[in-house]
C-alpha atoms as a PDB file:
ATOM      1  CA  UNK A   1      12.044   9.594 -84.695  1.00  0.00           C
ATOM      2  CA  UNK A   2      15.214   7.428 -82.558  1.00  0.00           C
ATOM      3  CA  UNK A   3      15.825  10.190 -80.377  1.00  0.00           C
ATOM      4  CA  UNK A   4      12.386  10.788 -79.722  1.00  0.00           C
ATOM      5  CA  UNK A   5      12.273   7.166 -79.065  1.00  0.00           C
ATOM      6  CA  UNK A   6      15.109   7.338 -76.796  1.00  0.00           C
ATOM      7  CA  UNK A   7      13.586  10.447 -74.990  1.00  0.00           C
ATOM      8  CA  UNK A   8      10.356   8.797 -74.171  1.00  0.00           C
ATOM      9  CA  UNK A   9      11.987   5.702 -72.434  1.00  0.00           C
ATOM     10  CA  UNK A  10      14.308   7.728 -70.503  1.00  0.00           C
ATOM     11  CA  UNK A  11      11.530   9.930 -69.192  1.00  0.00           C
ATOM     12  CA  UNK A  12       9.395   6.913 -68.984  1.00  0.00           C
ATOM     13  CA  UNK A  13      12.227   5.049 -66.741  1.00  0.00           C
ATOM     14  CA  UNK A  14      12.782   8.480 -64.627  1.00  0.00           C
ATOM     15  CA  UNK A  15       8.566   8.306 -63.622  1.00  0.00           C
ATOM     16  CA  UNK A  16       8.852   4.897 -62.399  1.00  0.00           C
ATOM     17  CA  UNK A  17      11.999   5.328 -60.312  1.00  0.00           C
ATOM     18  CA  UNK A  18      14.322   2.880 -62.354  1.00  0.00           C
ATOM     19  CA  UNK A  19      12.139  -0.051 -63.094  1.00  0.00           C
ATOM     20  CA  UNK A  20      12.996  -3.059 -62.178  1.00  0.00           C
ATOM     21  CA  UNK A  21      16.203  -1.974 -60.500  1.00  0.00           C
ATOM     22  CA  UNK A  22      14.213   0.130 -58.328  1.00  0.00           C
ATOM     23  CA  UNK A  23      11.679  -2.881 -57.387  1.00  0.00           C
ATOM     24  CA  UNK A  24      14.559  -5.165 -56.708  1.00  0.00           C
ATOM     25  CA  UNK A  25      16.325  -2.846 -53.677  1.00  0.00           C
ATOM     26  CA  UNK A  26      13.313  -3.258 -50.770  1.00  0.00           C
ATOM     27  CA  UNK A  27      13.899  -2.491 -47.486  1.00  0.00           C
ATOM     28  CA  UNK A  28      14.650  -6.062 -45.625  1.00  0.00           C
ATOM     29  CA  UNK A  29      16.577  -4.467 -42.846  1.00  0.00           C
ATOM     30  CA  UNK A  30      13.617  -2.300 -42.097  1.00  0.00           C
ATOM     31  CA  UNK A  31      11.421  -4.893 -42.078  1.00  0.00           C
ATOM     32  CA  UNK A  32      13.450  -7.062 -40.017  1.00  0.00           C
ATOM     33  CA  UNK A  33      13.738  -4.343 -37.160  1.00  0.00           C
ATOM     34  CA  UNK A  34       9.377  -4.443 -37.055  1.00  0.00           C
ATOM     35  CA  UNK A  35       9.456  -7.719 -37.008  1.00  0.00           C
ATOM     36  CA  UNK A  36      11.995  -8.035 -33.882  1.00  0.00           C
ATOM     37  CA  UNK A  37       9.816  -5.571 -32.246  1.00  0.00           C
ATOM     38  CA  UNK A  38       6.761  -7.122 -32.326  1.00  0.00           C
ATOM     39  CA  UNK A  39       7.934 -10.338 -31.340  1.00  0.00           C
ATOM     40  CA  UNK A  40       9.548  -8.671 -28.098  1.00  0.00           C
ATOM     41  CA  UNK A  41       6.268  -6.949 -27.523  1.00  0.00           C
ATOM     42  CA  UNK A  42       4.595 -10.309 -27.521  1.00  0.00           C
ATOM     43  CA  UNK A  43       7.331 -11.659 -25.040  1.00  0.00           C
ATOM     44  CA  UNK A  44       7.016  -8.603 -22.897  1.00  0.00           C
ATOM     45  CA  UNK A  45       3.126  -9.586 -22.835  1.00  0.00           C
ATOM     46  CA  UNK A  46       3.189 -13.050 -21.679  1.00  0.00           C
ATOM     47  CA  UNK A  47       5.739 -12.122 -19.066  1.00  0.00           C
ATOM     48  CA  UNK A  48       3.436  -9.599 -17.430  1.00  0.00           C
ATOM     49  CA  UNK A  49       0.651 -11.446 -17.624  1.00  0.00           C
ATOM     50  CA  UNK A  50       2.328 -14.218 -15.848  1.00  0.00           C
ATOM     51  CA  UNK A  51       3.627 -12.054 -12.978  1.00  0.00           C
ATOM     52  CA  UNK A  52       0.523 -10.702 -12.844  1.00  0.00           C
ATOM     53  CA  UNK A  53      -0.963 -14.117 -12.249  1.00  0.00           C
ATOM     54  CA  UNK A  54       1.286 -14.982  -9.679  1.00  0.00           C
ATOM     55  CA  UNK A  55       0.625 -12.005  -7.974  1.00  0.00           C
ATOM     56  CA  UNK A  56      -2.994 -12.786  -7.557  1.00  0.00           C
ATOM     57  CA  UNK A  57      -2.164 -16.120  -6.941  1.00  0.00           C
ATOM     58  CA  UNK A  58      -0.284 -14.716  -3.584  1.00  0.00           C
ATOM     59  CA  UNK A  59      -3.441 -13.007  -2.979  1.00  0.00           C
ATOM     60  CA  UNK A  60      -2.740  -8.850  -3.786  1.00  0.00           C
ATOM     61  CA  UNK A  61      -3.060  -6.688  -6.339  1.00  0.00           C
ATOM     62  CA  UNK A  62      -0.421  -4.114  -5.205  1.00  0.00           C
ATOM     63  CA  UNK A  63       2.477  -3.321  -2.926  1.00  0.00           C
ATOM     64  CA  UNK A  64       4.152  -0.961  -0.282  1.00  0.00           C
ATOM     65  CA  UNK A  65       6.546   1.408  -1.185  1.00  0.00           C
ATOM     66  CA  UNK A  66       9.438   2.762   0.382  1.00  0.00           C
ATOM     67  CA  UNK A  67       8.514   5.853   2.407  1.00  0.00           C
ATOM     68  CA  UNK A  68       5.285   6.120   0.716  1.00  0.00           C
ATOM     69  CA  UNK A  69       2.352   3.582   2.388  1.00  0.00           C
ATOM     70  CA  UNK A  70       1.966   2.709   6.078  1.00  0.00           C
ATOM     71  CA  UNK A  71      -0.317  -0.026   6.052  1.00  0.00           C
ATOM     72  CA  UNK A  72      -1.910  -1.856   8.796  1.00  0.00           C
ATOM     73  CA  UNK A  73      -2.952  -5.819   9.490  1.00  0.00           C
ATOM     74  CA  UNK A  74      -4.453  -7.666  11.992  1.00  0.00           C
ATOM     75  CA  UNK A  75      -2.344 -10.149  13.479  1.00  0.00           C
ATOM     76  CA  UNK A  76      -2.634 -13.090  15.977  1.00  0.00           C
ATOM     77  CA  UNK A  77      -0.982 -16.719  16.834  1.00  0.00           C
ATOM     78  CA  UNK A  78      -2.767 -19.920  17.820  1.00  0.00           C
ATOM     79  CA  UNK A  79      -1.436 -22.255  19.561  1.00  0.00           C
ATOM     80  CA  UNK A  80      -3.423 -25.679  20.000  1.00  0.00           C
ATOM     81  CA  UNK A  81      -6.057 -24.023  21.774  1.00  0.00           C
ATOM     82  CA  UNK A  82      -5.578 -20.680  22.402  1.00  0.00           C
ATOM     83  CA  UNK A  83      -4.631 -17.148  21.097  1.00  0.00           C
ATOM     84  CA  UNK A  84      -0.950 -16.444  23.091  1.00  0.00           C
ATOM     85  CA  UNK A  85       0.109 -12.939  23.865  1.00  0.00           C
ATOM     86  CA  UNK A  86       0.757 -10.574  21.155  1.00  0.00           C
ATOM     87  CA  UNK A  87       4.184 -10.454  19.928  1.00  0.00           C
ATOM     88  CA  UNK A  88       6.402  -7.730  21.336  1.00  0.00           C
ATOM     89  CA  UNK A  89       7.649  -5.011  19.776  1.00  0.00           C
ATOM     90  CA  UNK A  90      11.356  -4.841  18.384  1.00  0.00           C
ATOM     91  CA  UNK A  91      14.442  -3.075  19.124  1.00  0.00           C
ATOM     92  CA  UNK A  92      15.412  -1.527  16.170  1.00  0.00           C
ATOM     93  CA  UNK A  93      12.273  -0.722  14.830  1.00  0.00           C
ATOM     94  CA  UNK A  94      12.134  -2.412  11.449  1.00  0.00           C
ATOM     95  CA  UNK A  95      10.399  -1.356   8.514  1.00  0.00           C
ATOM     96  CA  UNK A  96       7.832  -4.708   8.997  1.00  0.00           C
ATOM     97  CA  UNK A  97       6.995  -4.100  12.620  1.00  0.00           C
ATOM     98  CA  UNK A  98       4.403  -4.234  15.274  1.00  0.00           C
ATOM     99  CA  UNK A  99       4.561  -2.354  18.506  1.00  0.00           C
ATOM    100  CA  UNK A 100       3.066  -5.185  20.584  1.00  0.00           C
ATOM    101  CA  UNK A 101      -0.770  -4.299  19.681  1.00  0.00           C
ATOM    102  CA  UNK A 102      -1.462  -7.805  17.537  1.00  0.00           C
ATOM    103  CA  UNK A 103      -1.268  -4.931  14.088  1.00  0.00           C
ATOM    104  CA  UNK A 104       1.837  -5.820  11.435  1.00  0.00           C
ATOM    105  CA  UNK A 105       2.907  -2.174  10.566  1.00  0.00           C
ATOM    106  CA  UNK A 106       3.907  -2.547   6.897  1.00  0.00           C
ATOM    107  CA  UNK A 107       6.178   1.109   6.790  1.00  0.00           C
ATOM    108  CA  UNK A 108       8.967   0.211   4.499  1.00  0.00           C
ATOM    109  CA  UNK A 109      11.942   2.564   4.638  1.00  0.00           C
ATOM    110  CA  UNK A 110      14.804   0.246   2.541  1.00  0.00           C
ATOM    111  CA  UNK A 111      13.231  -1.524  -0.728  1.00  0.00           C
ATOM    112  CA  UNK A 112      14.587  -5.172   1.245  1.00  0.00           C
ATOM    113  CA  UNK A 113      11.055  -4.277   3.221  1.00  0.00           C
ATOM    114  CA  UNK A 114       8.872  -3.004   0.123  1.00  0.00           C
ATOM    115  CA  UNK A 115       7.213  -4.627  -2.844  1.00  0.00           C
ATOM    116  CA  UNK A 116       7.629  -8.267  -3.362  1.00  0.00           C
ATOM    117  CA  UNK A 117      10.307  -8.157  -0.287  1.00  0.00           C
ATOM    118  CA  UNK A 118       7.321  -7.164   2.147  1.00  0.00           C
ATOM    119  CA  UNK A 119       5.997 -10.684   3.180  1.00  0.00           C
ATOM    120  CA  UNK A 120       5.100 -12.522   6.411  1.00  0.00           C
ATOM    121  CA  UNK A 121       8.593 -14.485   6.614  1.00  0.00           C
ATOM    122  CA  UNK A 122       9.887 -11.194   6.304  1.00  0.00           C
ATOM    123  CA  UNK A 123       8.178  -9.508   9.262  1.00  0.00           C
ATOM    124  CA  UNK A 124       8.587 -12.905  11.595  1.00  0.00           C
ATOM    125  CA  UNK A 125      11.981 -12.405  11.045  1.00  0.00           C
ATOM    126  CA  UNK A 126      12.491  -9.427  11.969  1.00  0.00           C
ATOM    127  CA  UNK A 127      10.030  -9.371  14.827  1.00  0.00           C
ATOM    128  CA  UNK A 128      11.299 -12.230  16.819  1.00  0.00           C
ATOM    129  CA  UNK A 129       9.123 -15.023  15.688  1.00  0.00           C
ATOM    130  CA  UNK A 130       9.866 -18.341  13.672  1.00  0.00           C
ATOM    131  CA  UNK A 131       8.043 -19.586  10.965  1.00  0.00           C
ATOM    132  CA  UNK A 132       8.190 -22.163   8.436  1.00  0.00           C
ATOM    133  CA  UNK A 133       5.850 -24.391   6.974  1.00  0.00           C
ATOM    134  CA  UNK A 134       6.589 -26.717   9.265  1.00  0.00           C
ATOM    135  CA  UNK A 135       6.995 -24.523  12.781  1.00  0.00           C
ATOM    136  CA  UNK A 136       6.202 -21.995  14.421  1.00  0.00           C
ATOM    137  CA  UNK A 137       8.116 -20.379  17.277  1.00  0.00           C
ATOM    138  CA  UNK A 138       7.482 -17.234  19.528  1.00  0.00           C
ATOM    139  CA  UNK A 139       7.144 -16.271  23.398  1.00  0.00           C
ATOM    140  CA  UNK A 140       9.354 -19.491  24.645  1.00  0.00           C
ATOM    141  CA  UNK A 141       6.944 -22.043  22.809  1.00  0.00           C
ATOM    142  CA  UNK A 142       8.108 -24.051  19.951  1.00  0.00           C
ATOM    143  CA  UNK A 143       5.586 -26.460  17.858  1.00  0.00           C
ATOM    144  CA  UNK A 144       6.804 -28.931  14.825  1.00  0.00           C
ATOM    145  CA  UNK A 145       4.208 -30.584  12.406  1.00  0.00           C
ATOM    146  CA  UNK A 146       3.721 -33.750  14.534  1.00  0.00           C
ATOM    147  CA  UNK A 147       4.025 -32.663  17.926  1.00  0.00           C
ATOM    148  CA  UNK A 148       0.825 -33.002  19.963  1.00  0.00           C
ATOM    149  CA  UNK A 149      -1.825 -30.804  20.920  1.00  0.00           C
ATOM    150  CA  UNK A 150      -3.460 -32.481  23.379  1.00  0.00           C
ATOM    151  CA  UNK A 151      -3.777 -36.277  21.925  1.00  0.00           C
ATOM    152  CA  UNK A 152      -3.698 -35.578  18.437  1.00  0.00           C
ATOM    153  CA  UNK A 153      -0.492 -33.999  16.353  1.00  0.00           C
ATOM    154  CA  UNK A 154      -0.784 -30.939  14.837  1.00  0.00           C
ATOM    155  CA  UNK A 155       0.452 -28.707  12.143  1.00  0.00           C
ATOM    156  CA  UNK A 156       1.439 -25.073  11.134  1.00  0.00           C
ATOM    157  CA  UNK A 157      -1.638 -23.504   9.098  1.00  0.00           C
ATOM    158  CA  UNK A 158      -2.021 -19.703   7.927  1.00  0.00           C
ATOM    159  CA  UNK A 159      -5.245 -17.857   7.586  1.00  0.00           C
ATOM    160  CA  UNK A 160      -5.505 -14.965   5.106  1.00  0.00           C
ATOM    161  CA  UNK A 161      -8.627 -13.304   6.035  1.00  0.00           C
ATOM    162  CA  UNK A 162     -11.214 -16.142   5.171  1.00  0.00           C
ATOM    163  CA  UNK A 163      -8.970 -18.420   3.744  1.00  0.00           C
ATOM    164  CA  UNK A 164      -6.047 -21.150   5.138  1.00  0.00           C
ATOM    165  CA  UNK A 165      -3.160 -20.341   2.480  1.00  0.00           C
ATOM    166  CA  UNK A 166      -1.638 -23.627   0.383  1.00  0.00           C
ATOM    167  CA  UNK A 167       1.124 -22.496  -0.257  1.00  0.00           C
ATOM    168  CA  UNK A 168       4.734 -21.507   2.253  1.00  0.00           C
ATOM    169  CA  UNK A 169       3.350 -19.053   4.650  1.00  0.00           C
ATOM    170  CA  UNK A 170       6.488 -17.205   4.556  1.00  0.00           C
ATOM    171  CA  UNK A 171       5.604 -15.958   0.964  1.00  0.00           C
ATOM    172  CA  UNK A 172       2.049 -14.426   1.837  1.00  0.00           C
ATOM    173  CA  UNK A 173       2.605 -10.918   0.727  1.00  0.00           C
ATOM    174  CA  UNK A 174       0.930  -8.100   3.203  1.00  0.00           C
ATOM    175  CA  UNK A 175      -1.082  -5.753   2.808  1.00  0.00           C
ATOM    176  CA  UNK A 176      -3.222  -3.041   4.037  1.00  0.00           C
ATOM    177  CA  UNK A 177      -6.182  -4.334   6.096  1.00  0.00           C
ATOM    178  CA  UNK A 178      -5.454  -8.126   6.320  1.00  0.00           C
ATOM    179  CA  UNK A 179      -6.217 -10.476   8.944  1.00  0.00           C
ATOM    180  CA  UNK A 180      -3.508 -13.094   9.637  1.00  0.00           C
ATOM    181  CA  UNK A 181      -3.601 -15.758  11.675  1.00  0.00           C
ATOM    182  CA  UNK A 182      -0.438 -18.080  12.331  1.00  0.00           C
ATOM    183  CA  UNK A 183      -2.181 -21.287  14.018  1.00  0.00           C
ATOM    184  CA  UNK A 184      -0.758 -25.084  15.258  1.00  0.00           C
ATOM    185  CA  UNK A 185      -3.697 -26.907  15.424  1.00  0.00           C
ATOM    186  CA  UNK A 186      -4.264 -30.615  14.623  1.00  0.00           C
ATOM    187  CA  UNK A 187      -6.031 -31.208  11.207  1.00  0.00           C
ATOM    188  CA  UNK A 188      -9.108 -30.296  10.569  1.00  0.00           C
ATOM    189  CA  UNK A 189      -9.210 -28.028  13.512  1.00  0.00           C
ATOM    190  CA  UNK A 190     -11.284 -24.849  12.876  1.00  0.00           C
ATOM    191  CA  UNK A 191      -9.275 -21.203  13.260  1.00  0.00           C
ATOM    192  CA  UNK A 192     -11.308 -19.150  15.556  1.00  0.00           C
ATOM    193  CA  UNK A 193     -11.234 -15.757  14.618  1.00  0.00           C
ATOM    194  CA  UNK A 194      -8.909 -12.899  15.658  1.00  0.00           C
ATOM    195  CA  UNK A 195      -9.296 -11.594  18.878  1.00  0.00           C
ATOM    196  CA  UNK A 196     -11.708  -8.782  19.179  1.00  0.00           C
ATOM    197  CA  UNK A 197      -8.909  -6.112  20.211  1.00  0.00           C
ATOM    198  CA  UNK A 198      -6.750  -7.177  17.099  1.00  0.00           C
ATOM    199  CA  UNK A 199      -9.462  -6.309  14.794  1.00  0.00           C
ATOM    200  CA  UNK A 200     -10.004  -3.128  17.079  1.00  0.00           C
ATOM    201  CA  UNK A 201      -6.740  -1.921  16.773  1.00  0.00           C
ATOM    202  CA  UNK A 202      -6.361  -2.589  13.132  1.00  0.00           C
ATOM    203  CA  UNK A 203      -9.930   0.008  12.871  1.00  0.00           C
ATOM    204  CA  UNK A 204      -7.657   2.804  14.833  1.00  0.00           C
ATOM    205  CA  UNK A 205      -4.616   2.316  12.941  1.00  0.00           C
ATOM    206  CA  UNK A 206      -6.626   2.673   9.287  1.00  0.00           C
ATOM    207  CA  UNK A 207      -8.843   5.416  11.216  1.00  0.00           C
ATOM    208  CA  UNK A 208      -8.409   8.793   9.146  1.00  0.00           C
ATOM    209  CA  UNK A 209      -6.897  11.534  10.757  1.00  0.00           C
ATOM    210  CA  UNK A 210      -9.860  13.509  12.599  1.00  0.00           C
ATOM    211  CA  UNK A 211      -9.102  17.536  12.089  1.00  0.00           C
ATOM    212  CA  UNK A 212      -8.805  19.344  15.488  1.00  0.00           C
ATOM    213  CA  UNK A 213     -11.147  22.213  15.492  1.00  0.00           C
ATOM    214  CA  UNK A 214     -10.460  25.540  17.933  1.00  0.00           C
ATOM    215  CA  UNK A 215     -13.007  26.341  19.982  1.00  0.00           C
ATOM    216  CA  UNK A 216     -14.811  29.675  19.469  1.00  0.00           C
ATOM    217  CA  UNK A 217     -15.228  32.157  22.374  1.00  0.00           C
ATOM    218  CA  UNK A 218     -19.021  32.480  22.586  1.00  0.00           C
ATOM    219  CA  UNK A 219     -18.768  36.031  24.025  1.00  0.00           C
ATOM    220  CA  UNK A 220     -17.289  36.968  20.594  1.00  0.00           C
ATOM    221  CA  UNK A 221     -19.874  38.436  18.354  1.00  0.00           C
ATOM    222  CA  UNK A 222     -18.809  37.815  14.458  1.00  0.00           C
ATOM    223  CA  UNK A 223     -22.315  39.571  13.291  1.00  0.00           C
ATOM    224  CA  UNK A 224     -22.260  43.218  13.810  1.00  0.00           C
ATOM    225  CA  UNK A 225     -24.890  44.681  15.704  1.00  0.00           C
ATOM    226  CA  UNK A 226     -25.628  41.121  17.374  1.00  0.00           C
ATOM    227  CA  UNK A 227     -25.565  41.091  20.937  1.00  0.00           C
ATOM    228  CA  UNK A 228     -23.258  39.422  23.290  1.00  0.00           C
ATOM    229  CA  UNK A 229     -24.858  35.728  24.507  1.00  0.00           C
ATOM    230  CA  UNK A 230     -26.464  36.406  27.705  1.00  0.00           C
ATOM    231  CA  UNK A 231     -24.397  36.238  31.098  1.00  0.00           C
ATOM    232  CA  UNK A 232     -21.437  37.114  29.031  1.00  0.00           C
ATOM    233  CA  UNK A 233     -19.475  40.268  29.896  1.00  0.00           C
ATOM    234  CA  UNK A 234     -19.417  42.409  26.792  1.00  0.00           C
ATOM    235  CA  UNK A 235     -16.044  44.007  25.556  1.00  0.00           C
ATOM    236  CA  UNK A 236     -15.742  47.709  27.075  1.00  0.00           C
ATOM    237  CA  UNK A 237     -15.284  50.092  24.656  1.00  0.00           C
ATOM    238  CA  UNK A 238     -11.791  52.242  24.607  1.00  0.00           C
ATOM    239  CA  UNK A 239     -12.344  55.693  26.064  1.00  0.00           C
ATOM    240  CA  UNK A 240     -11.944  58.582  24.095  1.00  0.00           C
ATOM    241  CA  UNK A 241     -11.098  62.177  25.474  1.00  0.00           C
ATOM    242  CA  UNK A 242     -14.005  64.417  24.889  1.00  0.00           C
ATOM    243  CA  UNK A 243     -12.936  67.364  22.333  1.00  0.00           C
ATOM    244  CA  UNK A 244     -13.872  70.775  23.978  1.00  0.00           C
ATOM    245  CA  UNK A 245     -14.971  73.277  21.663  1.00  0.00           C
ATOM    246  CA  UNK A 246     -13.093  76.330  21.015  1.00  0.00           C
ATOM    247  CA  UNK A 247     -14.483  79.413  22.274  1.00  0.00           C
ATOM    248  CA  UNK A 248     -16.696  81.958  20.817  1.00  0.00           C
ATOM    249  CA  UNK A 249     -15.530  85.401  20.757  1.00  0.00           C
ATOM    250  CA  UNK A 250     -17.694  88.157  19.201  1.00  0.00           C
ATOM    251  CA  UNK A 251     -16.204  90.993  17.062  1.00  0.00           C
ATOM    252  CA  UNK A 252     -16.576  94.496  18.287  1.00  0.00           C
END
């Protein structure tokens, strides 16, 4: 009986994986790893959400890529009471440039001109325009906040599409199809719409390329048996020399 009882105990212990000793060996390291991974995931989600909110607050949801995107935005400079001549084309031509056509061309060839770096401030620096939240200078004219426009003090304002930005205008992120006006006007002045030439040039740059069609020869016939068009000269058939029949000789 003693031996049988001992054998049963051994079998029972083997089937339970060692009893209490087995239960005590929990994989605490594995649990810790899972907890760290979960915490890291939460942190990354929060950071990504904050970045997306900042991007949305700056007025864009996508960014130009190096040697891939070629975007356009209409641009005008309004000083006191009128739009001034377009910003001229710079030389050499940077990735963010203008061709003197009242259009900002967003065509990055370097990382420095792409993504978050594609800003109105960077374009201004590369195209001979001084722009800050308190100063604008272009074409030999310079204005700082407090300088008079007529009889009233003016200030720098930047309108993007239909909204006047409330943050540093240099941080405006450029995107395709924007309408941007940099203005120096008295407080409360409504900035007029962009010149029609700027909007027309923007539309031309954004228009898809039209495929070139090759005109067909009106005299050519594409359907066998179809006569050529009236007044056209029908193609001449190649001449084939007649085949002479061999003389027939009679047998005697």
